[in-house]
């Protein structure tokens, strides 16, 4: 019980540290990885909460600001729309930065990216509540806050990459652009692979049906 309590206390402390990281990104992300102020468990919690708040945003936000046909709503797609970019960024960034003298390890990149999502999660919760009490004419507040959340999160991710890899600003921007290109390449390869596998399966199914037809 003492070990479990200590673990929960550690996770709670590292989770709370995400608030400091959001407002002090340079010092925060440096200490997050180099001083052990963060944890994978806290990063996982932030990512899970991010998924939950995104589903809530799509389903609970006033129809004035988010129009969604619940008949075609698929929570799995929403989950993948969040998890896949995080996974792709982590793998692509680690793959590229190992060739560019980056000091960050894969788990550190993942942890930093998840911590950078904190403002987006918090502001999304605020937007869900705000959408219920403002009119469409006052919607500028909603859209400005939403845009601010995305910009803030983007700047935090750049700060995270700069601190994790100990890069300059220019090298951080360059590696981030290459990471985005790498993500596109990974998606392209996956689509080609999936297409080839689908064609192969369809071929063997048709071959099986042909053999079965001739035997009968």
N, C-alpha and C. Protein backbone atom coordinates (compact mmCIF):
# COMPACT_ATOMS: atom_id res chain seq x y z
N UNK A 1 0.82 -1.21 0.00
CA UNK A 1 0.00 0.00 0.00
C UNK A 1 0.85 1.26 0.00
N UNK A 2 1.98 1.20 0.75
CA UNK A 2 2.85 2.37 0.80
C UNK A 2 3.46 2.67 -0.57
N UNK A 3 3.82 1.57 -1.28
CA UNK A 3 4.41 1.75 -2.61
C UNK A 3 3.39 2.35 -3.57
N UNK A 4 2.14 1.84 -3.51
CA UNK A 4 1.08 2.35 -4.37
C UNK A 4 0.80 3.82 -4.06
N UNK A 5 0.77 4.17 -2.79
CA UNK A 5 0.52 5.55 -2.39
C UNK A 5 1.62 6.46 -2.88
N UNK A 6 2.86 6.00 -2.77
CA UNK A 6 3.98 6.79 -3.24
C UNK A 6 3.91 7.00 -4.75
N UNK A 7 3.48 5.94 -5.47
CA UNK A 7 3.37 6.03 -6.92
C UNK A 7 2.28 7.03 -7.32
N UNK A 8 1.13 6.94 -6.66
CA UNK A 8 0.05 7.87 -6.95
C UNK A 8 0.43 9.31 -6.63
N UNK A 9 1.16 9.48 -5.54
CA UNK A 9 1.63 10.82 -5.18
C UNK A 9 2.59 11.36 -6.24
N UNK A 10 3.45 10.48 -6.75
CA UNK A 10 4.40 10.88 -7.79
C UNK A 10 3.68 11.26 -9.08
N UNK A 11 2.71 10.44 -9.45
CA UNK A 11 1.95 10.74 -10.67
C UNK A 11 1.18 12.04 -10.52
N UNK A 12 0.56 12.25 -9.35
CA UNK A 12 -0.17 13.49 -9.10
C UNK A 12 0.74 14.70 -9.16
N UNK A 13 1.94 14.56 -8.62
CA UNK A 13 2.90 15.66 -8.63
C UNK A 13 3.36 15.98 -10.05
N UNK A 14 3.66 14.93 -10.83
CA UNK A 14 4.11 15.15 -12.20
C UNK A 14 2.98 15.65 -13.10
N UNK A 15 1.75 15.24 -12.76
CA UNK A 15 0.60 15.73 -13.52
C UNK A 15 0.37 17.22 -13.25
N UNK A 16 0.48 17.61 -12.01
CA UNK A 16 0.34 19.01 -11.64
C UNK A 16 1.42 19.86 -12.29
N UNK A 17 2.58 19.26 -12.53
CA UNK A 17 3.70 19.98 -13.13
C UNK A 17 3.38 20.43 -14.55
N UNK A 18 2.39 19.79 -15.19
CA UNK A 18 2.01 20.18 -16.56
C UNK A 18 1.51 21.62 -16.61
N UNK A 19 0.95 22.11 -15.50
CA UNK A 19 0.49 23.51 -15.44
C UNK A 19 1.68 24.46 -15.46
N UNK A 20 2.74 24.08 -14.76
CA UNK A 20 3.95 24.91 -14.77
C UNK A 20 4.60 24.91 -16.15
N UNK A 21 4.62 23.72 -16.77
CA UNK A 21 5.20 23.61 -18.11
C UNK A 21 4.47 24.51 -19.10
N UNK A 22 3.15 24.61 -18.96
CA UNK A 22 2.34 25.39 -19.89
C UNK A 22 2.63 26.89 -19.81
N UNK A 23 3.04 27.35 -18.64
CA UNK A 23 3.29 28.79 -18.46
C UNK A 23 4.78 29.13 -18.41
N UNK A 24 5.63 28.13 -18.22
CA UNK A 24 7.08 28.33 -18.22
C UNK A 24 7.71 27.26 -19.11
N UNK A 25 7.47 27.32 -20.41
CA UNK A 25 7.84 26.21 -21.30
C UNK A 25 9.33 25.89 -21.36
N UNK A 26 10.18 26.89 -21.42
CA UNK A 26 11.60 26.61 -21.57
C UNK A 26 12.18 25.93 -20.33
N UNK A 27 11.99 26.54 -19.18
CA UNK A 27 12.45 25.90 -17.94
C UNK A 27 11.68 24.61 -17.67
N UNK A 28 10.38 24.65 -17.94
CA UNK A 28 9.53 23.50 -17.65
C UNK A 28 9.91 22.26 -18.42
N UNK A 29 10.09 22.40 -19.73
CA UNK A 29 10.41 21.22 -20.55
C UNK A 29 11.83 20.74 -20.30
N UNK A 30 12.73 21.64 -19.96
CA UNK A 30 14.09 21.22 -19.62
C UNK A 30 14.07 20.34 -18.37
N UNK A 31 13.40 20.83 -17.32
CA UNK A 31 13.32 20.07 -16.08
C UNK A 31 12.47 18.81 -16.25
N UNK A 32 11.50 18.88 -17.16
CA UNK A 32 10.62 17.74 -17.40
C UNK A 32 11.41 16.50 -17.77
N UNK A 33 12.38 16.67 -18.66
CA UNK A 33 13.14 15.53 -19.16
C UNK A 33 14.50 15.37 -18.49
N UNK A 34 15.18 16.48 -18.23
CA UNK A 34 16.54 16.40 -17.70
C UNK A 34 16.58 16.26 -16.18
N UNK A 35 15.54 16.74 -15.52
CA UNK A 35 15.52 16.68 -14.05
C UNK A 35 14.47 15.69 -13.54
N UNK A 36 13.82 14.97 -14.44
CA UNK A 36 12.86 13.95 -14.04
C UNK A 36 11.59 14.49 -13.41
N UNK A 37 11.16 15.69 -13.83
CA UNK A 37 9.96 16.28 -13.24
C UNK A 37 8.67 15.76 -13.87
N UNK A 38 8.80 15.02 -14.95
CA UNK A 38 7.62 14.46 -15.62
C UNK A 38 7.57 12.95 -15.50
N UNK A 39 6.48 12.37 -15.98
CA UNK A 39 6.35 10.90 -15.96
C UNK A 39 5.49 10.46 -17.14
N UNK A 40 5.76 9.25 -17.61
CA UNK A 40 4.99 8.68 -18.70
C UNK A 40 3.53 8.49 -18.28
N UNK A 41 3.32 8.12 -17.01
CA UNK A 41 1.96 7.92 -16.51
C UNK A 41 1.15 9.21 -16.61
N UNK A 42 1.74 10.32 -16.20
CA UNK A 42 1.05 11.62 -16.30
C UNK A 42 0.80 11.98 -17.75
N UNK A 43 1.78 11.69 -18.62
CA UNK A 43 1.62 11.97 -20.05
C UNK A 43 0.46 11.16 -20.62
N UNK A 44 0.35 9.90 -20.22
CA UNK A 44 -0.76 9.06 -20.68
C UNK A 44 -2.11 9.61 -20.21
N UNK A 45 -2.15 10.09 -18.98
CA UNK A 45 -3.39 10.65 -18.44
C UNK A 45 -3.80 11.89 -19.22
N UNK A 46 -2.83 12.76 -19.52
CA UNK A 46 -3.13 13.97 -20.29
C UNK A 46 -3.68 13.59 -21.67
N UNK A 47 -3.07 12.59 -22.30
CA UNK A 47 -3.51 12.17 -23.63
C UNK A 47 -4.92 11.57 -23.57
N UNK A 48 -5.19 10.78 -22.55
CA UNK A 48 -6.53 10.19 -22.39
C UNK A 48 -7.57 11.27 -22.16
N UNK A 49 -7.24 12.23 -21.30
CA UNK A 49 -8.16 13.35 -21.03
C UNK A 49 -8.37 14.17 -22.30
N UNK A 50 -7.31 14.30 -23.10
CA UNK A 50 -7.42 15.01 -24.37
C UNK A 50 -8.46 14.32 -25.28
N UNK A 51 -8.40 13.01 -25.34
CA UNK A 51 -9.36 12.24 -26.15
C UNK A 51 -10.79 12.44 -25.62
N UNK A 52 -10.93 12.36 -24.31
CA UNK A 52 -12.26 12.50 -23.70
C UNK A 52 -12.83 13.89 -23.95
N UNK A 53 -12.01 14.92 -23.76
CA UNK A 53 -12.50 16.29 -23.96
C UNK A 53 -12.82 16.57 -25.43
N UNK A 54 -12.10 15.93 -26.34
CA UNK A 54 -12.39 16.12 -27.76
C UNK A 54 -13.75 15.50 -28.11
N UNK A 55 -14.01 14.31 -27.55
CA UNK A 55 -15.32 13.68 -27.76
C UNK A 55 -16.42 14.54 -27.14
N UNK A 56 -16.16 15.06 -25.95
CA UNK A 56 -17.13 15.94 -25.29
C UNK A 56 -17.35 17.22 -26.09
N UNK A 57 -16.27 17.74 -26.67
CA UNK A 57 -16.39 18.98 -27.47
C UNK A 57 -17.31 18.77 -28.66
N UNK A 58 -17.17 17.62 -29.30
CA UNK A 58 -17.98 17.34 -30.48
C UNK A 58 -19.43 17.02 -30.15
N UNK A 59 -19.66 16.46 -28.98
CA UNK A 59 -21.02 16.01 -28.63
C UNK A 59 -21.77 16.97 -27.72
N UNK A 60 -21.06 17.76 -26.91
CA UNK A 60 -21.72 18.62 -25.93
C UNK A 60 -21.70 20.10 -26.27
N UNK A 61 -20.84 20.50 -27.22
CA UNK A 61 -20.78 21.91 -27.61
C UNK A 61 -22.09 22.32 -28.29
N UNK A 62 -22.51 23.53 -28.04
CA UNK A 62 -23.75 24.04 -28.64
C UNK A 62 -23.72 23.91 -30.16
N UNK A 63 -24.86 23.56 -30.74
CA UNK A 63 -24.96 23.37 -32.19
C UNK A 63 -24.62 24.64 -32.98
N UNK A 64 -24.60 25.78 -32.29
CA UNK A 64 -24.25 27.04 -32.96
C UNK A 64 -22.80 27.05 -33.41
N UNK A 65 -21.96 26.28 -32.73
CA UNK A 65 -20.52 26.32 -33.00
C UNK A 65 -19.97 25.01 -33.55
N UNK A 66 -20.61 23.92 -33.24
CA UNK A 66 -20.17 22.63 -33.77
C UNK A 66 -21.39 21.88 -34.28
N UNK A 67 -21.40 21.62 -35.58
CA UNK A 67 -22.50 20.87 -36.18
C UNK A 67 -22.03 19.47 -36.51
N UNK A 68 -22.66 18.49 -35.89
CA UNK A 68 -22.25 17.11 -36.12
C UNK A 68 -23.49 16.23 -36.22
N UNK A 69 -23.48 15.35 -37.19
CA UNK A 69 -24.58 14.40 -37.37
C UNK A 69 -24.27 13.16 -36.52
N UNK A 70 -24.99 13.02 -35.41
CA UNK A 70 -24.72 11.93 -34.48
C UNK A 70 -24.95 10.56 -35.11
N UNK A 71 -25.70 10.52 -36.20
CA UNK A 71 -25.94 9.25 -36.87
C UNK A 71 -24.65 8.69 -37.45
N UNK A 72 -23.75 9.59 -37.84
CA UNK A 72 -22.49 9.17 -38.45
C UNK A 72 -21.30 9.40 -37.52
N UNK A 73 -21.56 9.79 -36.28
CA UNK A 73 -20.47 10.04 -35.34
C UNK A 73 -19.82 8.73 -34.93
N UNK A 74 -18.50 8.71 -34.97
CA UNK A 74 -17.74 7.51 -34.62
C UNK A 74 -16.62 7.91 -33.66
N UNK A 75 -16.76 7.50 -32.42
CA UNK A 75 -15.77 7.87 -31.39
C UNK A 75 -14.40 7.28 -31.69
N UNK A 76 -14.36 6.12 -32.35
CA UNK A 76 -13.08 5.49 -32.67
C UNK A 76 -12.27 6.37 -33.61
N UNK A 77 -12.94 6.98 -34.58
CA UNK A 77 -12.26 7.88 -35.51
C UNK A 77 -11.70 9.09 -34.77
N UNK A 78 -12.46 9.61 -33.82
CA UNK A 78 -12.00 10.75 -33.02
C UNK A 78 -10.76 10.35 -32.22
N UNK A 79 -10.79 9.16 -31.64
CA UNK A 79 -9.64 8.69 -30.86
C UNK A 79 -8.41 8.56 -31.74
N UNK A 80 -8.58 7.95 -32.91
CA UNK A 80 -7.45 7.78 -33.83
C UNK A 80 -6.94 9.12 -34.35
N UNK A 81 -7.85 10.08 -34.50
CA UNK A 81 -7.47 11.40 -35.00
C UNK A 81 -6.55 12.14 -34.03
N UNK A 82 -6.56 11.72 -32.77
CA UNK A 82 -5.69 12.32 -31.77
C UNK A 82 -4.46 11.45 -31.52
N UNK A 83 -4.67 10.16 -31.38
CA UNK A 83 -3.56 9.27 -31.04
C UNK A 83 -2.55 9.12 -32.18
N UNK A 84 -3.05 9.00 -33.41
CA UNK A 84 -2.15 8.79 -34.54
C UNK A 84 -1.17 9.95 -34.76
N UNK A 85 -1.63 11.22 -34.73
CA UNK A 85 -0.65 12.31 -34.89
C UNK A 85 0.41 12.32 -33.79
N UNK A 86 0.02 12.01 -32.56
CA UNK A 86 1.00 11.96 -31.46
C UNK A 86 2.00 10.84 -31.71
N UNK A 87 1.49 9.68 -32.10
CA UNK A 87 2.37 8.54 -32.39
C UNK A 87 3.29 8.83 -33.57
N UNK A 88 2.71 9.36 -34.65
CA UNK A 88 3.51 9.66 -35.85
C UNK A 88 4.56 10.72 -35.57
N UNK A 89 4.17 11.77 -34.82
CA UNK A 89 5.14 12.82 -34.49
C UNK A 89 6.29 12.24 -33.67
N UNK A 90 5.96 11.42 -32.69
CA UNK A 90 6.99 10.85 -31.81
C UNK A 90 7.98 10.01 -32.60
N UNK A 91 7.47 9.13 -33.44
CA UNK A 91 8.34 8.23 -34.21
C UNK A 91 9.14 9.01 -35.26
N UNK A 92 8.46 9.89 -36.01
CA UNK A 92 9.13 10.65 -37.06
C UNK A 92 10.17 11.60 -36.48
N UNK A 93 9.83 12.29 -35.40
CA UNK A 93 10.77 13.22 -34.80
C UNK A 93 12.00 12.49 -34.24
N UNK A 94 11.77 11.38 -33.57
CA UNK A 94 12.89 10.61 -33.03
C UNK A 94 13.77 10.08 -34.15
N UNK A 95 13.16 9.59 -35.22
CA UNK A 95 13.92 9.03 -36.34
C UNK A 95 14.81 10.09 -36.99
N UNK A 96 14.26 11.31 -37.13
CA UNK A 96 15.02 12.37 -37.79
C UNK A 96 16.07 13.00 -36.88
N UNK A 97 15.70 13.23 -35.64
CA UNK A 97 16.62 13.92 -34.73
C UNK A 97 17.82 13.05 -34.34
N UNK A 98 17.69 11.73 -34.44
CA UNK A 98 18.85 10.88 -34.20
C UNK A 98 19.93 11.12 -35.26
N UNK A 99 19.50 11.60 -36.43
CA UNK A 99 20.44 11.92 -37.51
C UNK A 99 20.90 13.38 -37.45
N UNK A 100 20.28 14.16 -36.55
CA UNK A 100 20.60 15.59 -36.45
C UNK A 100 21.13 15.94 -35.06
N UNK A 101 21.80 14.97 -34.45
CA UNK A 101 22.42 15.17 -33.13
C UNK A 101 21.41 15.56 -32.05
N UNK A 102 20.18 15.07 -32.18
CA UNK A 102 19.19 15.33 -31.15
C UNK A 102 19.46 14.48 -29.92
N UNK A 103 19.24 15.05 -28.75
CA UNK A 103 19.54 14.36 -27.50
C UNK A 103 18.32 13.66 -26.90
N UNK A 104 17.15 13.92 -27.45
CA UNK A 104 15.93 13.37 -26.87
C UNK A 104 15.72 11.91 -27.22
N UNK A 105 15.24 11.15 -26.25
CA UNK A 105 14.87 9.76 -26.47
C UNK A 105 13.39 9.70 -26.85
N UNK A 106 12.97 8.56 -27.39
CA UNK A 106 11.59 8.46 -27.88
C UNK A 106 10.57 8.71 -26.77
N UNK A 107 10.79 8.14 -25.59
CA UNK A 107 9.82 8.32 -24.51
C UNK A 107 9.81 9.77 -24.01
N UNK A 108 10.94 10.46 -24.12
CA UNK A 108 10.98 11.87 -23.72
C UNK A 108 10.22 12.74 -24.71
N UNK A 109 10.33 12.43 -25.99
CA UNK A 109 9.59 13.17 -27.02
C UNK A 109 8.09 12.97 -26.81
N UNK A 110 7.68 11.73 -26.60
CA UNK A 110 6.27 11.43 -26.36
C UNK A 110 5.75 12.17 -25.13
N UNK A 111 6.51 12.11 -24.06
CA UNK A 111 6.09 12.76 -22.81
C UNK A 111 5.97 14.26 -23.00
N UNK A 112 6.94 14.87 -23.68
CA UNK A 112 6.92 16.32 -23.88
C UNK A 112 5.73 16.75 -24.74
N UNK A 113 5.43 15.98 -25.79
CA UNK A 113 4.30 16.30 -26.66
C UNK A 113 2.99 16.22 -25.88
N UNK A 114 2.84 15.19 -25.06
CA UNK A 114 1.61 15.04 -24.27
C UNK A 114 1.45 16.18 -23.28
N UNK A 115 2.53 16.56 -22.63
CA UNK A 115 2.47 17.69 -21.69
C UNK A 115 2.11 18.99 -22.41
N UNK A 116 2.55 19.12 -23.65
CA UNK A 116 2.25 20.34 -24.43
C UNK A 116 0.77 20.45 -24.78
N UNK A 117 0.02 19.35 -24.65
CA UNK A 117 -1.41 19.36 -24.96
C UNK A 117 -2.26 19.94 -23.83
N UNK A 118 -1.65 20.18 -22.69
CA UNK A 118 -2.38 20.63 -21.51
C UNK A 118 -3.26 21.86 -21.74
N UNK A 119 -2.74 22.95 -22.34
CA UNK A 119 -3.60 24.13 -22.56
C UNK A 119 -4.80 23.84 -23.44
N UNK A 120 -4.60 23.00 -24.45
CA UNK A 120 -5.69 22.66 -25.36
C UNK A 120 -6.80 21.95 -24.62
N UNK A 121 -6.41 21.04 -23.70
CA UNK A 121 -7.41 20.31 -22.91
C UNK A 121 -8.19 21.27 -22.02
N UNK A 122 -7.49 22.13 -21.31
CA UNK A 122 -8.13 23.06 -20.37
C UNK A 122 -9.07 24.02 -21.10
N UNK A 123 -8.57 24.60 -22.20
CA UNK A 123 -9.38 25.58 -22.94
C UNK A 123 -10.57 24.90 -23.61
N UNK A 124 -10.43 23.66 -24.02
CA UNK A 124 -11.55 22.93 -24.61
C UNK A 124 -12.70 22.77 -23.62
N UNK A 125 -12.34 22.47 -22.37
CA UNK A 125 -13.37 22.35 -21.32
C UNK A 125 -14.08 23.69 -21.14
N UNK A 126 -13.31 24.77 -21.14
CA UNK A 126 -13.88 26.12 -21.00
C UNK A 126 -14.80 26.42 -22.18
N UNK A 127 -14.40 26.03 -23.38
CA UNK A 127 -15.19 26.30 -24.58
C UNK A 127 -16.52 25.54 -24.56
N UNK A 128 -16.49 24.31 -24.04
CA UNK A 128 -17.73 23.53 -23.96
C UNK A 128 -18.75 24.25 -23.09
N UNK A 129 -18.30 24.74 -21.94
CA UNK A 129 -19.19 25.48 -21.04
C UNK A 129 -19.59 26.81 -21.65
N UNK A 130 -18.63 27.50 -22.25
CA UNK A 130 -18.88 28.82 -22.82
C UNK A 130 -19.90 28.77 -23.95
N UNK A 131 -19.85 27.69 -24.74
CA UNK A 131 -20.76 27.57 -25.88
C UNK A 131 -22.22 27.51 -25.45
N UNK A 132 -22.46 27.13 -24.20
CA UNK A 132 -23.84 27.00 -23.70
C UNK A 132 -24.41 28.32 -23.19
N UNK A 133 -23.54 29.31 -22.99
CA UNK A 133 -24.01 30.55 -22.36
C UNK A 133 -23.84 31.79 -23.25
N UNK A 134 -23.22 31.63 -24.42
CA UNK A 134 -23.08 32.78 -25.32
C UNK A 134 -23.91 32.56 -26.57
N UNK A 135 -24.24 33.65 -27.23
CA UNK A 135 -25.03 33.58 -28.46
C UNK A 135 -24.09 33.49 -29.67
N UNK A 136 -24.69 33.22 -30.83
CA UNK A 136 -23.89 33.12 -32.04
C UNK A 136 -23.21 34.44 -32.37
N UNK A 137 -23.89 35.57 -32.05
CA UNK A 137 -23.31 36.89 -32.31
C UNK A 137 -22.07 37.13 -31.46
N UNK A 138 -21.99 36.46 -30.31
CA UNK A 138 -20.83 36.58 -29.43
C UNK A 138 -19.81 35.48 -29.70
N UNK A 139 -19.97 34.79 -30.80
CA UNK A 139 -19.13 33.64 -31.11
C UNK A 139 -17.67 33.96 -31.34
N UNK A 140 -17.36 35.25 -31.57
CA UNK A 140 -15.96 35.62 -31.77
C UNK A 140 -15.11 35.21 -30.58
N UNK A 141 -15.68 35.29 -29.38
CA UNK A 141 -14.96 34.88 -28.17
C UNK A 141 -14.60 33.40 -28.26
N UNK A 142 -15.57 32.61 -28.72
CA UNK A 142 -15.37 31.16 -28.83
C UNK A 142 -14.24 30.85 -29.83
N UNK A 143 -14.31 31.47 -31.00
CA UNK A 143 -13.33 31.16 -32.05
C UNK A 143 -11.94 31.68 -31.69
N UNK A 144 -11.86 32.85 -31.05
CA UNK A 144 -10.56 33.39 -30.64
C UNK A 144 -9.91 32.48 -29.60
N UNK A 145 -10.70 32.03 -28.64
CA UNK A 145 -10.15 31.12 -27.62
C UNK A 145 -9.70 29.80 -28.23
N UNK A 146 -10.49 29.28 -29.18
CA UNK A 146 -10.11 28.04 -29.84
C UNK A 146 -8.82 28.18 -30.62
N UNK A 147 -8.68 29.31 -31.34
CA UNK A 147 -7.45 29.56 -32.08
C UNK A 147 -6.27 29.76 -31.15
N UNK A 148 -6.52 30.46 -30.03
CA UNK A 148 -5.46 30.69 -29.04
C UNK A 148 -4.96 29.39 -28.46
N UNK A 149 -5.87 28.45 -28.22
CA UNK A 149 -5.49 27.14 -27.68
C UNK A 149 -4.57 26.39 -28.64
N UNK A 150 -4.88 26.45 -29.94
CA UNK A 150 -4.07 25.75 -30.94
C UNK A 150 -2.69 26.39 -31.06
N UNK A 151 -2.65 27.74 -31.07
CA UNK A 151 -1.37 28.44 -31.18
C UNK A 151 -0.51 28.16 -29.96
N UNK A 152 -1.12 28.24 -28.78
CA UNK A 152 -0.40 27.99 -27.53
C UNK A 152 0.19 26.58 -27.52
N UNK A 153 -0.63 25.61 -27.92
CA UNK A 153 -0.16 24.22 -27.95
C UNK A 153 0.97 24.05 -28.96
N UNK A 154 0.84 24.68 -30.13
CA UNK A 154 1.89 24.59 -31.14
C UNK A 154 3.21 25.17 -30.65
N UNK A 155 3.14 26.32 -29.97
CA UNK A 155 4.36 26.94 -29.44
C UNK A 155 4.98 26.07 -28.34
N UNK A 156 4.13 25.43 -27.56
CA UNK A 156 4.64 24.54 -26.51
C UNK A 156 5.35 23.33 -27.11
N UNK A 157 4.80 22.79 -28.20
CA UNK A 157 5.45 21.65 -28.85
C UNK A 157 6.82 22.04 -29.40
N UNK A 158 6.90 23.23 -29.99
CA UNK A 158 8.19 23.72 -30.49
C UNK A 158 9.17 23.91 -29.33
N UNK A 159 8.69 24.49 -28.25
CA UNK A 159 9.55 24.69 -27.07
C UNK A 159 10.01 23.34 -26.52
N UNK A 160 9.09 22.38 -26.52
CA UNK A 160 9.42 21.05 -26.02
C UNK A 160 10.53 20.42 -26.85
N UNK A 161 10.41 20.49 -28.17
CA UNK A 161 11.43 19.91 -29.03
C UNK A 161 12.78 20.61 -28.88
N UNK A 162 12.72 21.92 -28.67
CA UNK A 162 13.97 22.67 -28.50
C UNK A 162 14.69 22.26 -27.23
N UNK A 163 13.95 22.08 -26.14
CA UNK A 163 14.55 21.72 -24.87
C UNK A 163 14.95 20.25 -24.81
N UNK A 164 14.10 19.39 -25.35
CA UNK A 164 14.38 17.95 -25.30
C UNK A 164 15.65 17.62 -26.08
N UNK A 165 15.80 18.23 -27.26
CA UNK A 165 16.95 17.92 -28.12
C UNK A 165 18.11 18.88 -27.95
N UNK A 166 17.90 19.92 -27.12
CA UNK A 166 18.93 20.94 -26.90
C UNK A 166 19.31 21.61 -28.23
N UNK A 167 18.27 22.04 -28.97
CA UNK A 167 18.44 22.68 -30.27
C UNK A 167 18.33 24.19 -30.16
N UNK A 168 18.81 24.86 -31.21
CA UNK A 168 18.55 26.28 -31.36
C UNK A 168 17.15 26.45 -31.96
N UNK A 169 16.67 27.69 -32.02
CA UNK A 169 15.33 27.93 -32.57
C UNK A 169 15.28 27.51 -34.04
N UNK A 170 16.30 27.89 -34.80
CA UNK A 170 16.33 27.56 -36.24
C UNK A 170 16.34 26.06 -36.45
N UNK A 171 17.16 25.36 -35.70
CA UNK A 171 17.25 23.90 -35.85
C UNK A 171 15.96 23.23 -35.41
N UNK A 172 15.31 23.82 -34.41
CA UNK A 172 14.02 23.28 -33.95
C UNK A 172 12.96 23.41 -35.03
N UNK A 173 12.90 24.59 -35.67
CA UNK A 173 11.93 24.80 -36.75
C UNK A 173 12.21 23.87 -37.91
N UNK A 174 13.49 23.72 -38.26
CA UNK A 174 13.86 22.84 -39.38
C UNK A 174 13.49 21.39 -39.07
N UNK A 175 13.83 20.93 -37.89
CA UNK A 175 13.53 19.53 -37.53
C UNK A 175 12.02 19.30 -37.44
N UNK A 176 11.28 20.32 -37.01
CA UNK A 176 9.82 20.18 -36.93
C UNK A 176 9.19 20.09 -38.31
N UNK A 177 9.68 20.90 -39.24
CA UNK A 177 9.19 20.83 -40.62
C UNK A 177 9.52 19.47 -41.24
N UNK A 178 10.72 18.99 -40.99
CA UNK A 178 11.10 17.67 -41.51
C UNK A 178 10.28 16.56 -40.84
N UNK A 179 9.93 16.77 -39.58
CA UNK A 179 9.09 15.80 -38.88
C UNK A 179 7.72 15.70 -39.53
N UNK A 180 7.15 16.86 -39.90
CA UNK A 180 5.85 16.87 -40.57
C UNK A 180 5.94 16.14 -41.90
N UNK A 181 7.03 16.38 -42.64
CA UNK A 181 7.25 15.67 -43.91
C UNK A 181 7.37 14.16 -43.65
N UNK A 182 8.12 13.82 -42.61
CA UNK A 182 8.28 12.41 -42.25
C UNK A 182 6.97 11.75 -41.89
N UNK A 183 6.10 12.49 -41.21
CA UNK A 183 4.77 11.96 -40.88
C UNK A 183 3.98 11.68 -42.14
N UNK A 184 4.07 12.58 -43.12
CA UNK A 184 3.39 12.38 -44.39
C UNK A 184 3.91 11.15 -45.12
N UNK A 185 5.23 10.96 -45.07
CA UNK A 185 5.84 9.80 -45.72
C UNK A 185 5.38 8.51 -45.05
N UNK A 186 5.32 8.52 -43.72
CA UNK A 186 4.87 7.34 -42.98
C UNK A 186 3.43 6.99 -43.32
N UNK A 187 2.58 8.01 -43.41
CA UNK A 187 1.18 7.77 -43.77
C UNK A 187 1.08 7.21 -45.19
N UNK A 188 1.88 7.78 -46.11
CA UNK A 188 1.87 7.33 -47.51
C UNK A 188 2.29 5.86 -47.60
N UNK A 189 3.37 5.50 -46.87
CA UNK A 189 3.85 4.11 -46.89
C UNK A 189 2.78 3.17 -46.32
N UNK A 190 2.12 3.62 -45.23
CA UNK A 190 1.09 2.79 -44.62
C UNK A 190 -0.08 2.58 -45.58
N UNK A 191 -0.48 3.64 -46.30
CA UNK A 191 -1.59 3.53 -47.24
C UNK A 191 -1.24 2.57 -48.38
N UNK A 192 0.01 2.69 -48.89
CA UNK A 192 0.45 1.79 -49.95
C UNK A 192 0.48 0.36 -49.46
N UNK A 193 1.01 0.16 -48.26
CA UNK A 193 1.08 -1.19 -47.68
C UNK A 193 -0.31 -1.78 -47.48
N UNK A 194 -1.22 -0.96 -46.94
CA UNK A 194 -2.59 -1.42 -46.71
C UNK A 194 -3.27 -1.76 -48.03
N UNK A 195 -3.00 -0.95 -49.05
CA UNK A 195 -3.59 -1.21 -50.36
C UNK A 195 -3.08 -2.52 -50.95
N UNK A 196 -1.77 -2.77 -50.81
CA UNK A 196 -1.18 -4.01 -51.34
C UNK A 196 -1.73 -5.22 -50.60
N UNK A 197 -1.84 -5.11 -49.27
CA UNK A 197 -2.38 -6.22 -48.48
C UNK A 197 -3.83 -6.49 -48.85
N UNK A 198 -4.62 -5.43 -49.04
CA UNK A 198 -6.02 -5.58 -49.42
C UNK A 198 -6.15 -6.25 -50.77
N UNK A 199 -5.30 -5.83 -51.73
CA UNK A 199 -5.32 -6.45 -53.06
C UNK A 199 -4.92 -7.92 -52.99
N UNK A 200 -3.93 -8.23 -52.15
CA UNK A 200 -3.48 -9.62 -52.02
C UNK A 200 -4.58 -10.48 -51.41
N UNK A 201 -5.25 -9.96 -50.40
CA UNK A 201 -6.34 -10.71 -49.77
C UNK A 201 -7.48 -10.93 -50.76
N UNK A 202 -7.81 -9.86 -51.52
CA UNK A 202 -8.88 -9.99 -52.51
C UNK A 202 -8.51 -11.00 -53.59
N UNK A 203 -7.23 -11.07 -53.98
CA UNK A 203 -6.77 -12.02 -54.99
C UNK A 203 -6.93 -13.45 -54.50
N UNK A 204 -6.47 -13.70 -53.26
CA UNK A 204 -6.55 -15.06 -52.72
C UNK A 204 -7.99 -15.49 -52.48
N UNK A 205 -8.86 -14.55 -52.13
CA UNK A 205 -10.27 -14.87 -51.95
C UNK A 205 -10.90 -15.26 -53.29
N UNK A 206 -10.58 -14.48 -54.33
CA UNK A 206 -11.12 -14.80 -55.66
C UNK A 206 -10.55 -16.12 -56.18
N UNK A 207 -9.26 -16.37 -55.88
CA UNK A 207 -8.64 -17.63 -56.29
C UNK A 207 -9.29 -18.81 -55.59
N UNK A 208 -9.57 -18.64 -54.30
CA UNK A 208 -10.23 -19.70 -53.52
C UNK A 208 -11.63 -19.98 -54.09
N UNK A 209 -12.36 -18.92 -54.41
CA UNK A 209 -13.70 -19.09 -54.96
C UNK A 209 -13.65 -19.77 -56.32
N UNK A 210 -12.64 -19.43 -57.12
CA UNK A 210 -12.50 -20.05 -58.45
C UNK A 210 -12.21 -21.55 -58.32
N UNK A 211 -11.29 -21.89 -57.41
CA UNK A 211 -10.94 -23.31 -57.20
C UNK A 211 -12.16 -24.07 -56.66
N UNK A 212 -12.86 -23.47 -55.75
CA UNK A 212 -14.05 -24.10 -55.18
C UNK A 212 -15.13 -24.30 -56.23
N UNK A 213 -15.27 -23.32 -57.13
CA UNK A 213 -16.29 -23.41 -58.19
C UNK A 213 -15.95 -24.55 -59.14
N UNK A 214 -14.63 -24.70 -59.47
CA UNK A 214 -14.24 -25.76 -60.41
C UNK A 214 -14.38 -27.15 -59.79
N UNK A 215 -14.11 -27.23 -58.49
CA UNK A 215 -14.23 -28.53 -57.83
C UNK A 215 -15.68 -28.97 -57.71
N UNK A 216 -16.56 -27.99 -57.54
CA UNK A 216 -17.98 -28.31 -57.43
C UNK A 216 -18.57 -28.58 -58.82
